[in-house]
Amino acid sequence: MLVSSTCQNSASTAQERESTMRRKRFQRGSLQQRKHGRHKVWVGCWYESGGRKSKVLGRCSQMTQSDAEVALAAILFPINQRTSPSARPTYTFGQFVEHVYLPHCRRTWKGSTELTTVPIINNHLVQAFGNRPLGSVARTEMQDLLEAKAATLSRSVVSHLRWSLTAIYKLAISDGLVDHNPASELRIPRSCKAGRQIRPLTEKEVHQYLDVLDLPERLMARLAIFEGLRPGEVLALRLGAVEREAIWIRERVYQGKFDTPKNGKAREVALSDGTIADMRTWLGICGSAKPDAFVFPSENPASPLDMGNLWRRTFGPRLAKAGLRWATFQVLRKTNATLSRKAGVDAKVSADQRGHGLGVSMEVYTISDRQQKREAVKKLESAVTRKRQRRLSA
């Protein structure tokens, strides 16, 4: 009897140990088709609290296998959350984006980046693949999505979708959730919806632009056109950052939130003579001498002006009279890059003024006008002609 009792206790202990190990092990469960009355159904099976569990997930005629896997993953998600940290969780595409990818990116994203990127991801990628298991989305499906979106979205937005897909799966690989990146070889469709053309101002239009503005708005516009500042950098400018011939860009403001400049680095920006004169006049009118006071304060001196309100109330109406309402601050920055290159300014110096990398400056912001292209082809023709003339005269 003693031996029998001991054996029973040992068996019971072994079962408890096995149950505990089973409970702590990460599980994916199993999916089966069974006959339920006159209908075939999907049945999900898993272990919980030491015992085997099962649940009818839905009829096979009304639910695909992929949908059944998602339903089972939703059941297992809270159970697997209690497993050991080394276990690999099961995510749908939408769950991974919401709970892993976006929280990770928000650590470094600027407010403006989040404001534009999150809606694009949610409206186009999560809407398409949100309920799919993360590892079940194939490259061909992603490519089909990009081609479908190209009919209604610009190349820029489609490029952002491709970049986001690549980044999402790259992070999933680093977390050991998928074995490869199906988005790494996606291609941008050749035919995308034409985007809005943004051309820079001509030299004549620059003068027309500045002439319709009053002193404070003209100074803001000059800081964008001649000095290459972003609108958030202009509005966040404080008196302590203004020197005689230069200013220091140490912060920017976006929708009332202050942050470091876009590239995360403070920079010195030289001032043109006309901007120095306007700055001196404006600071004389402001009257404040506190280093932390804003150069362009709102009605509340403790806060800067809001660019949205400023554009609606002042810039927009005045520029409309000159037919230049289309020339936003983005256009002014492009004007700075284009006219600087046309004037022969060193590309690296120009990029440093704007706080850009040289590649972005040359590829995105700088546009060659017809005069520059004519001069280029004439210079090439002249060089070829001179060589031919020398060869004939030899």
Protein backbone atom coordinates (compact mmCIF):
# COMPACT_ATOMS: atom_id res chain seq x y z
CA MET A 1 0.00 0.00 0.00
CA LEU A 2 2.86 2.36 0.86
CA VAL A 3 4.58 1.61 -2.43
CA SER A 4 1.34 2.13 -4.31
CA SER A 5 0.74 5.46 -2.56
CA THR A 6 4.27 6.59 -3.30
CA CYS A 7 3.88 5.69 -6.97
CA GLN A 8 0.61 7.58 -7.17
CA ASN A 9 2.19 10.66 -5.56
CA SER A 10 5.13 10.45 -7.96
CA ALA A 11 2.78 10.17 -10.93
CA SER A 12 0.71 13.07 -9.65
CA THR A 13 3.85 15.18 -9.19
CA ALA A 14 5.04 14.32 -12.69
CA GLN A 15 1.66 15.30 -14.14
CA GLU A 16 1.73 18.63 -12.29
CA ARG A 17 5.28 19.28 -13.48
CA GLU A 18 4.25 18.44 -17.05
CA SER A 19 1.17 20.63 -16.71
CA THR A 20 3.27 23.52 -15.41
CA MET A 21 5.79 23.16 -18.23
CA ARG A 22 2.95 22.96 -20.72
CA ARG A 23 1.31 26.05 -19.28
CA LYS A 24 4.54 28.05 -19.52
CA ARG A 25 5.35 26.96 -23.06
CA PHE A 26 4.43 29.31 -25.89
CA GLN A 27 1.81 27.70 -28.10
CA ARG A 28 0.29 28.28 -31.49
CA GLY A 29 -2.60 25.86 -31.03
CA SER A 30 -4.02 23.67 -33.75
CA LEU A 31 -6.78 24.18 -36.27
CA GLN A 32 -9.09 21.37 -37.37
CA GLN A 33 -12.09 20.85 -39.61
CA ARG A 34 -14.92 18.90 -37.99
CA LYS A 35 -18.48 17.97 -38.87
CA HIS A 36 -20.91 19.86 -36.64
CA GLY A 37 -24.41 18.72 -37.46
CA ARG A 38 -24.79 19.19 -41.20
CA HIS A 39 -22.02 21.77 -41.46
CA LYS A 40 -18.24 21.66 -41.43
CA VAL A 41 -16.69 24.00 -38.88
CA TRP A 42 -13.27 25.26 -37.89
CA VAL A 43 -12.28 24.13 -34.40
CA GLY A 44 -9.37 25.68 -32.52
CA CYS A 45 -7.52 23.58 -29.92
CA TRP A 46 -5.04 24.65 -27.27
CA TYR A 47 -3.83 23.96 -23.74
CA GLU A 48 -4.81 26.08 -20.76
CA SER A 49 -4.55 25.47 -16.99
CA GLY A 50 -3.13 22.02 -17.57
CA GLY A 51 -5.96 20.83 -19.78
CA ARG A 52 -6.84 20.71 -23.45
CA LYS A 53 -9.36 23.30 -24.63
CA SER A 54 -11.26 23.63 -27.88
CA LYS A 55 -13.72 26.06 -29.41
CA VAL A 56 -15.79 26.24 -32.59
CA LEU A 57 -14.52 29.30 -34.47
CA GLY A 58 -17.00 29.35 -37.33
CA ARG A 59 -18.38 27.49 -40.33
CA CYS A 60 -15.93 26.57 -43.08
CA SER A 61 -18.36 27.96 -45.65
CA GLN A 62 -18.32 31.38 -43.98
CA MET A 63 -14.73 31.60 -42.72
CA THR A 64 -11.47 31.08 -44.58
CA GLN A 65 -8.58 29.23 -42.99
CA SER A 66 -6.74 32.54 -42.67
CA ASP A 67 -9.68 34.06 -40.77
CA ALA A 68 -9.81 31.00 -38.51
CA GLU A 69 -6.09 31.34 -37.75
CA VAL A 70 -6.63 34.98 -36.81
CA ALA A 71 -9.52 34.03 -34.51
CA LEU A 72 -7.40 31.36 -32.82
CA ALA A 73 -4.47 33.75 -32.46
CA ALA A 74 -6.79 36.22 -30.71
CA ILE A 75 -7.74 33.52 -28.19
CA LEU A 76 -4.11 32.53 -27.58
CA PHE A 77 -2.79 36.08 -27.35
CA PRO A 78 -3.64 36.69 -23.64
CA ILE A 79 -2.54 33.14 -22.77
CA ASN A 80 0.82 33.53 -24.48
CA GLN A 81 1.30 36.89 -22.78
CA ARG A 82 1.75 34.90 -19.56
CA THR A 83 4.41 32.61 -21.01
CA SER A 84 8.16 33.01 -20.60
CA PRO A 85 9.76 36.15 -22.13
CA SER A 86 11.64 34.05 -24.70
CA ALA A 87 8.41 32.84 -26.33
CA ARG A 88 7.51 34.25 -29.72
CA PRO A 89 4.08 35.90 -29.71
CA THR A 90 1.66 35.56 -32.60
CA TYR A 91 0.54 38.84 -34.13
CA THR A 92 -1.75 39.86 -36.89
CA PHE A 93 -0.37 42.56 -39.16
CA GLY A 94 -2.57 45.17 -37.45
CA GLN A 95 -1.61 44.07 -33.93
CA PHE A 96 2.10 44.24 -34.74
CA VAL A 97 1.77 47.72 -36.24
CA GLU A 98 -0.29 49.05 -33.33
CA HIS A 99 1.51 47.40 -30.42
CA VAL A 100 5.11 47.09 -31.65
CA TYR A 101 6.01 49.07 -34.78
CA LEU A 102 4.35 52.43 -34.07
CA PRO A 103 5.39 52.59 -30.37
CA HIS A 104 8.96 51.84 -31.45
CA CYS A 105 8.96 54.52 -34.16
CA ARG A 106 7.36 57.16 -31.93
CA ARG A 107 10.51 57.16 -29.81
CA THR A 108 12.33 59.07 -32.55
CA TRP A 109 9.66 60.44 -34.90
CA LYS A 110 9.00 64.16 -34.95
CA GLY A 111 5.42 65.28 -34.46
CA SER A 112 5.06 66.23 -38.13
CA THR A 113 6.34 62.81 -39.23
CA GLU A 114 3.85 60.99 -37.02
CA LEU A 115 0.98 63.21 -38.16
CA THR A 116 1.51 62.30 -41.81
CA THR A 117 2.87 58.73 -41.57
CA VAL A 118 0.44 57.09 -39.14
CA PRO A 119 -2.71 57.87 -41.20
CA ILE A 120 -1.01 56.56 -44.35
CA ILE A 121 -0.10 53.27 -42.64
CA ASN A 122 -3.52 52.82 -41.03
CA ASN A 123 -5.63 53.88 -44.01
CA HIS A 124 -3.78 51.86 -46.64
CA LEU A 125 -1.73 49.05 -45.07
CA VAL A 126 -3.62 48.11 -41.90
CA GLN A 127 -6.92 48.40 -43.75
CA ALA A 128 -5.66 45.91 -46.34
CA PHE A 129 -3.73 43.43 -44.16
CA GLY A 130 -4.76 44.25 -40.60
CA ASN A 131 -6.55 40.93 -39.83
CA ARG A 132 -3.97 38.73 -41.54
CA PRO A 133 -1.34 36.82 -39.55
CA LEU A 134 1.88 38.81 -39.81
CA GLY A 135 3.80 36.08 -41.61
CA SER A 136 1.03 35.19 -44.06
CA VAL A 137 1.20 38.28 -46.30
CA ALA A 138 3.08 37.43 -49.49
CA ARG A 139 5.22 39.75 -51.61
CA THR A 140 2.84 39.38 -54.57
CA GLU A 141 -0.06 40.63 -52.43
CA MET A 142 1.95 43.67 -51.34
CA GLN A 143 2.96 44.40 -54.92
CA ASP A 144 -0.67 44.10 -56.03
CA LEU A 145 -1.63 46.58 -53.32
CA LEU A 146 0.99 49.11 -54.47
CA GLU A 147 -0.19 48.81 -58.06
CA ALA A 148 -3.82 49.30 -57.02
CA LYS A 149 -2.90 52.35 -54.93
CA ALA A 150 -0.87 53.84 -57.80
CA ALA A 151 -4.13 54.54 -59.64
CA THR A 152 -5.27 57.02 -57.00
CA LEU A 153 -2.12 58.03 -55.08
CA SER A 154 0.98 59.98 -56.10
CA ARG A 155 4.37 58.35 -56.49
CA SER A 156 5.49 59.99 -53.27
CA VAL A 157 2.72 58.34 -51.21
CA VAL A 158 3.19 54.95 -52.90
CA SER A 159 6.91 55.21 -52.12
CA HIS A 160 6.06 55.86 -48.47
CA LEU A 161 3.84 52.75 -48.45
CA ARG A 162 6.67 50.63 -49.85
CA TRP A 163 9.12 52.08 -47.32
CA SER A 164 6.72 51.42 -44.43
CA LEU A 165 6.14 47.80 -45.46
CA THR A 166 9.88 47.21 -45.63
CA ALA A 167 10.43 48.84 -42.23
CA ILE A 168 7.57 46.89 -40.57
CA TYR A 169 8.92 43.52 -41.67
CA LYS A 170 12.50 44.51 -40.95
CA LEU A 171 11.49 45.11 -37.32
CA ALA A 172 9.53 41.84 -37.29
CA ILE A 173 12.67 39.98 -38.40
CA SER A 174 14.71 41.59 -35.63
CA ASP A 175 12.09 40.38 -33.11
CA GLY A 176 12.23 36.85 -34.54
CA LEU A 177 8.59 36.91 -35.61
CA VAL A 178 9.14 36.19 -39.32
CA ASP A 179 11.93 34.43 -41.17
CA HIS A 180 12.34 36.84 -44.08
CA ASN A 181 11.26 40.26 -45.33
CA PRO A 182 8.69 39.81 -48.12
CA ALA A 183 8.69 43.57 -48.76
CA SER A 184 12.40 43.94 -49.46
CA GLU A 185 12.06 43.53 -53.25
CA LEU A 186 8.87 45.52 -53.83
CA ARG A 187 8.88 47.86 -56.83
CA ILE A 188 7.26 51.27 -57.26
CA PRO A 189 4.73 50.99 -60.12
CA ARG A 190 5.75 52.86 -63.26
CA SER A 191 2.40 54.58 -63.58
CA CYS A 192 1.30 56.53 -60.49
CA LYS A 193 -1.21 59.34 -60.24
CA ALA A 194 0.45 62.65 -61.11
CA GLY A 195 1.30 64.59 -57.97
CA ARG A 196 0.92 68.31 -57.43
CA GLN A 197 3.72 70.17 -59.16
CA ILE A 198 5.61 72.50 -56.84
CA ARG A 199 7.86 74.91 -58.68
CA PRO A 200 10.06 77.54 -57.07
CA LEU A 201 9.51 81.27 -57.39
CA THR A 202 11.38 83.13 -60.09
CA GLU A 203 13.55 86.13 -59.18
CA LYS A 204 10.75 88.46 -60.32
CA GLU A 205 8.16 86.59 -58.25
CA VAL A 206 10.35 86.80 -55.14
CA HIS A 207 10.14 90.61 -55.28
CA GLN A 208 6.38 90.49 -55.91
CA TYR A 209 5.99 88.12 -52.96
CA LEU A 210 7.88 90.32 -50.52
CA ASP A 211 6.30 93.57 -51.74
CA VAL A 212 2.75 92.60 -50.71
CA LEU A 213 3.74 91.70 -47.12
CA ASP A 214 4.12 93.92 -44.07
CA LEU A 215 7.35 93.99 -42.07
CA PRO A 216 6.90 90.96 -39.76
CA GLU A 217 5.52 88.70 -42.50
CA ARG A 218 8.14 89.97 -44.96
CA LEU A 219 10.88 89.13 -42.46
CA MET A 220 9.47 85.61 -42.03
CA ALA A 221 9.35 85.15 -45.80
CA ARG A 222 12.92 86.45 -46.19
CA LEU A 223 14.14 83.97 -43.57
CA ALA A 224 12.68 81.18 -45.72
CA ILE A 225 13.68 82.49 -49.16
CA PHE A 226 17.18 83.85 -48.49
CA GLU A 227 18.22 82.00 -45.33
CA GLY A 228 16.42 78.70 -46.01
CA LEU A 229 14.59 78.29 -42.67
CA ARG A 230 11.64 75.94 -42.11
CA PRO A 231 8.40 77.59 -40.88
CA GLY A 232 8.67 75.91 -37.47
CA GLU A 233 12.21 77.22 -37.11
CA VAL A 234 11.10 80.76 -37.97
CA LEU A 235 8.28 80.77 -35.42
CA ALA A 236 10.41 79.19 -32.65
CA LEU A 237 13.17 81.79 -33.07
CA ARG A 238 14.05 83.57 -29.82
CA LEU A 239 15.88 86.88 -29.26
CA GLY A 240 18.80 85.14 -27.60
CA ALA A 241 19.50 83.23 -30.82
CA VAL A 242 19.84 86.40 -32.93
CA GLU A 243 23.34 87.76 -33.47
CA ARG A 244 24.52 90.63 -35.65
CA GLU A 245 25.01 88.68 -38.88
CA ALA A 246 23.69 85.24 -38.01
CA ILE A 247 21.10 83.36 -35.99
CA TRP A 248 21.24 80.02 -34.19
CA ILE A 249 18.59 77.41 -34.93
CA ARG A 250 18.27 75.29 -31.79
CA GLU A 251 14.58 74.35 -31.80
CA ARG A 252 11.43 74.33 -33.85
CA VAL A 253 7.71 74.38 -33.05
CA TYR A 254 5.01 72.25 -34.67
CA GLN A 255 1.35 72.59 -33.66
CA GLY A 256 2.38 74.20 -30.39
CA LYS A 257 4.93 71.52 -29.47
CA PHE A 258 8.63 72.40 -29.26
CA ASP A 259 11.33 70.03 -30.42
CA THR A 260 14.85 69.95 -31.80
CA PRO A 261 15.38 70.88 -35.48
CA LYS A 262 14.35 68.24 -38.00
CA ASN A 263 17.78 66.61 -38.27
CA GLY A 264 18.29 66.85 -34.50
CA LYS A 265 21.21 69.25 -34.77
CA ALA A 266 21.53 72.93 -33.92
CA ARG A 267 23.02 75.01 -36.72
CA GLU A 268 24.30 78.51 -37.40
CA VAL A 269 22.51 80.37 -40.22
CA ALA A 270 24.09 83.42 -41.83
CA LEU A 271 21.86 86.43 -42.57
CA SER A 272 21.67 88.44 -45.79
CA ASP A 273 22.00 92.24 -45.67
CA GLY A 274 18.30 92.80 -46.40
CA THR A 275 17.27 90.37 -43.66
CA ILE A 276 19.66 92.04 -41.19
CA ALA A 277 18.05 95.42 -41.92
CA ASP A 278 14.49 94.09 -41.53
CA MET A 279 15.45 92.19 -38.39
CA ARG A 280 16.95 95.30 -36.81
CA THR A 281 13.82 97.33 -37.60
CA TRP A 282 11.47 94.65 -36.32
CA LEU A 283 13.36 94.07 -33.07
CA GLY A 284 13.28 97.81 -32.45
CA ILE A 285 9.47 97.72 -32.73
CA CYS A 286 9.04 94.62 -30.53
CA GLY A 287 10.68 96.29 -27.54
CA SER A 288 11.38 93.07 -25.58
CA ALA A 289 14.97 92.36 -24.55
CA LYS A 290 14.56 88.99 -22.80
CA PRO A 291 16.74 86.32 -24.45
CA ASP A 292 13.98 83.71 -24.24
CA ALA A 293 11.32 86.01 -25.78
CA PHE A 294 10.04 85.01 -29.21
CA VAL A 295 11.00 87.09 -32.23
CA PHE A 296 7.46 86.58 -33.55
CA PRO A 297 5.22 86.32 -30.45
CA SER A 298 1.48 85.78 -30.51
CA GLU A 299 -0.97 87.91 -28.52
CA ASN A 300 0.29 85.88 -25.58
CA PRO A 301 4.01 86.79 -25.44
CA ALA A 302 4.78 83.43 -23.84
CA SER A 303 3.85 81.57 -27.04
CA PRO A 304 4.79 81.99 -30.72
CA LEU A 305 2.44 82.61 -33.63
CA ASP A 306 0.55 79.68 -35.14
CA MET A 307 1.46 79.13 -38.80
CA GLY A 308 -2.04 77.94 -39.75
CA ASN A 309 -3.68 81.08 -38.38
CA LEU A 310 -0.93 83.25 -39.82
CA TRP A 311 -1.43 81.82 -43.30
CA ARG A 312 -5.22 82.14 -43.23
CA ARG A 313 -5.33 85.66 -41.81
CA THR A 314 -2.30 87.36 -43.35
CA PHE A 315 -0.19 85.50 -45.88
CA GLY A 316 -3.01 83.92 -47.87
CA PRO A 317 -5.19 87.02 -48.46
CA ARG A 318 -2.24 89.29 -49.31
CA LEU A 319 -0.57 86.78 -51.64
CA ALA A 320 -3.87 86.07 -53.39
CA LYS A 321 -3.87 89.65 -54.68
CA ALA A 322 -0.54 89.02 -56.37
CA GLY A 323 -1.58 85.58 -57.66
CA LEU A 324 0.99 83.88 -55.42
CA ARG A 325 -1.17 82.15 -52.81
CA TRP A 326 0.15 78.81 -54.09
CA ALA A 327 3.65 79.71 -52.89
CA THR A 328 3.69 78.07 -49.44
CA PHE A 329 6.71 77.90 -47.14
CA GLN A 330 7.64 74.61 -48.81
CA VAL A 331 7.82 76.54 -52.09
CA LEU A 332 10.00 79.19 -50.41
CA ARG A 333 12.50 76.55 -49.25
CA LYS A 334 12.58 75.08 -52.76
CA THR A 335 13.14 78.62 -54.05
CA ASN A 336 16.10 79.01 -51.70
CA ALA A 337 17.72 75.81 -52.97
CA THR A 338 17.05 76.51 -56.66
CA LEU A 339 18.09 80.16 -56.77
CA SER A 340 21.18 79.45 -54.63
CA ARG A 341 22.37 76.91 -57.17
CA LYS A 342 21.54 79.22 -60.04
CA ALA A 343 23.56 81.99 -58.36
CA GLY A 344 26.57 79.67 -58.12
CA VAL A 345 26.42 79.14 -54.34
CA ASP A 346 28.44 76.11 -53.19
CA ALA A 347 26.01 73.17 -52.86
CA LYS A 348 27.38 72.07 -49.47
CA VAL A 349 27.16 75.58 -48.02
CA SER A 350 23.61 75.95 -49.32
CA ALA A 351 22.58 72.60 -47.82
CA ASP A 352 24.16 73.50 -44.47
CA GLN A 353 22.15 76.72 -44.38
CA ARG A 354 18.89 74.77 -44.80
CA GLY A 355 19.91 71.96 -42.48
CA HIS A 356 19.78 69.33 -45.25
CA GLY A 357 21.93 66.49 -46.36
CA LEU A 358 23.56 67.21 -49.70
CA GLY A 359 21.65 64.39 -51.47
CA VAL A 360 18.22 65.61 -50.35
CA SER A 361 19.17 69.17 -51.20
CA MET A 362 20.18 68.36 -54.77
CA GLU A 363 17.57 65.69 -55.58
CA VAL A 364 14.44 67.08 -53.90
CA TYR A 365 14.74 70.82 -53.37
CA THR A 366 16.88 72.01 -56.28
CA ILE A 367 15.20 72.44 -59.68
CA SER A 368 16.96 73.62 -62.85
CA ASP A 369 15.03 76.22 -64.83
CA ARG A 370 15.00 76.67 -68.61
CA GLN A 371 17.69 79.36 -68.58
CA GLN A 372 20.12 77.08 -66.71
CA LYS A 373 19.38 74.18 -69.07
CA ARG A 374 19.91 76.43 -72.11
CA GLU A 375 23.24 77.60 -70.72
CA ALA A 376 24.22 73.98 -70.08
CA VAL A 377 23.47 72.75 -73.61
CA LYS A 378 25.11 75.84 -75.15
CA LYS A 379 28.23 75.23 -73.04
CA LEU A 380 28.31 71.58 -74.17
CA GLU A 381 27.78 72.52 -77.81
CA SER A 382 30.52 75.16 -77.60
CA ALA A 383 32.99 72.67 -76.11
CA VAL A 384 32.26 70.07 -78.82
CA THR A 385 32.46 72.70 -81.59
CA ARG A 386 35.83 74.02 -80.37
CA LYS A 387 37.31 70.53 -80.42
CA ARG A 388 36.06 69.99 -83.99
CA GLN A 389 37.48 73.31 -85.12
CA ARG A 390 40.86 72.51 -83.58
CA ARG A 391 40.88 69.14 -85.28
CA LEU A 392 40.04 70.65 -88.70
CA SER A 393 42.69 73.34 -88.39
CA ALA A 394 45.41 70.88 -87.39
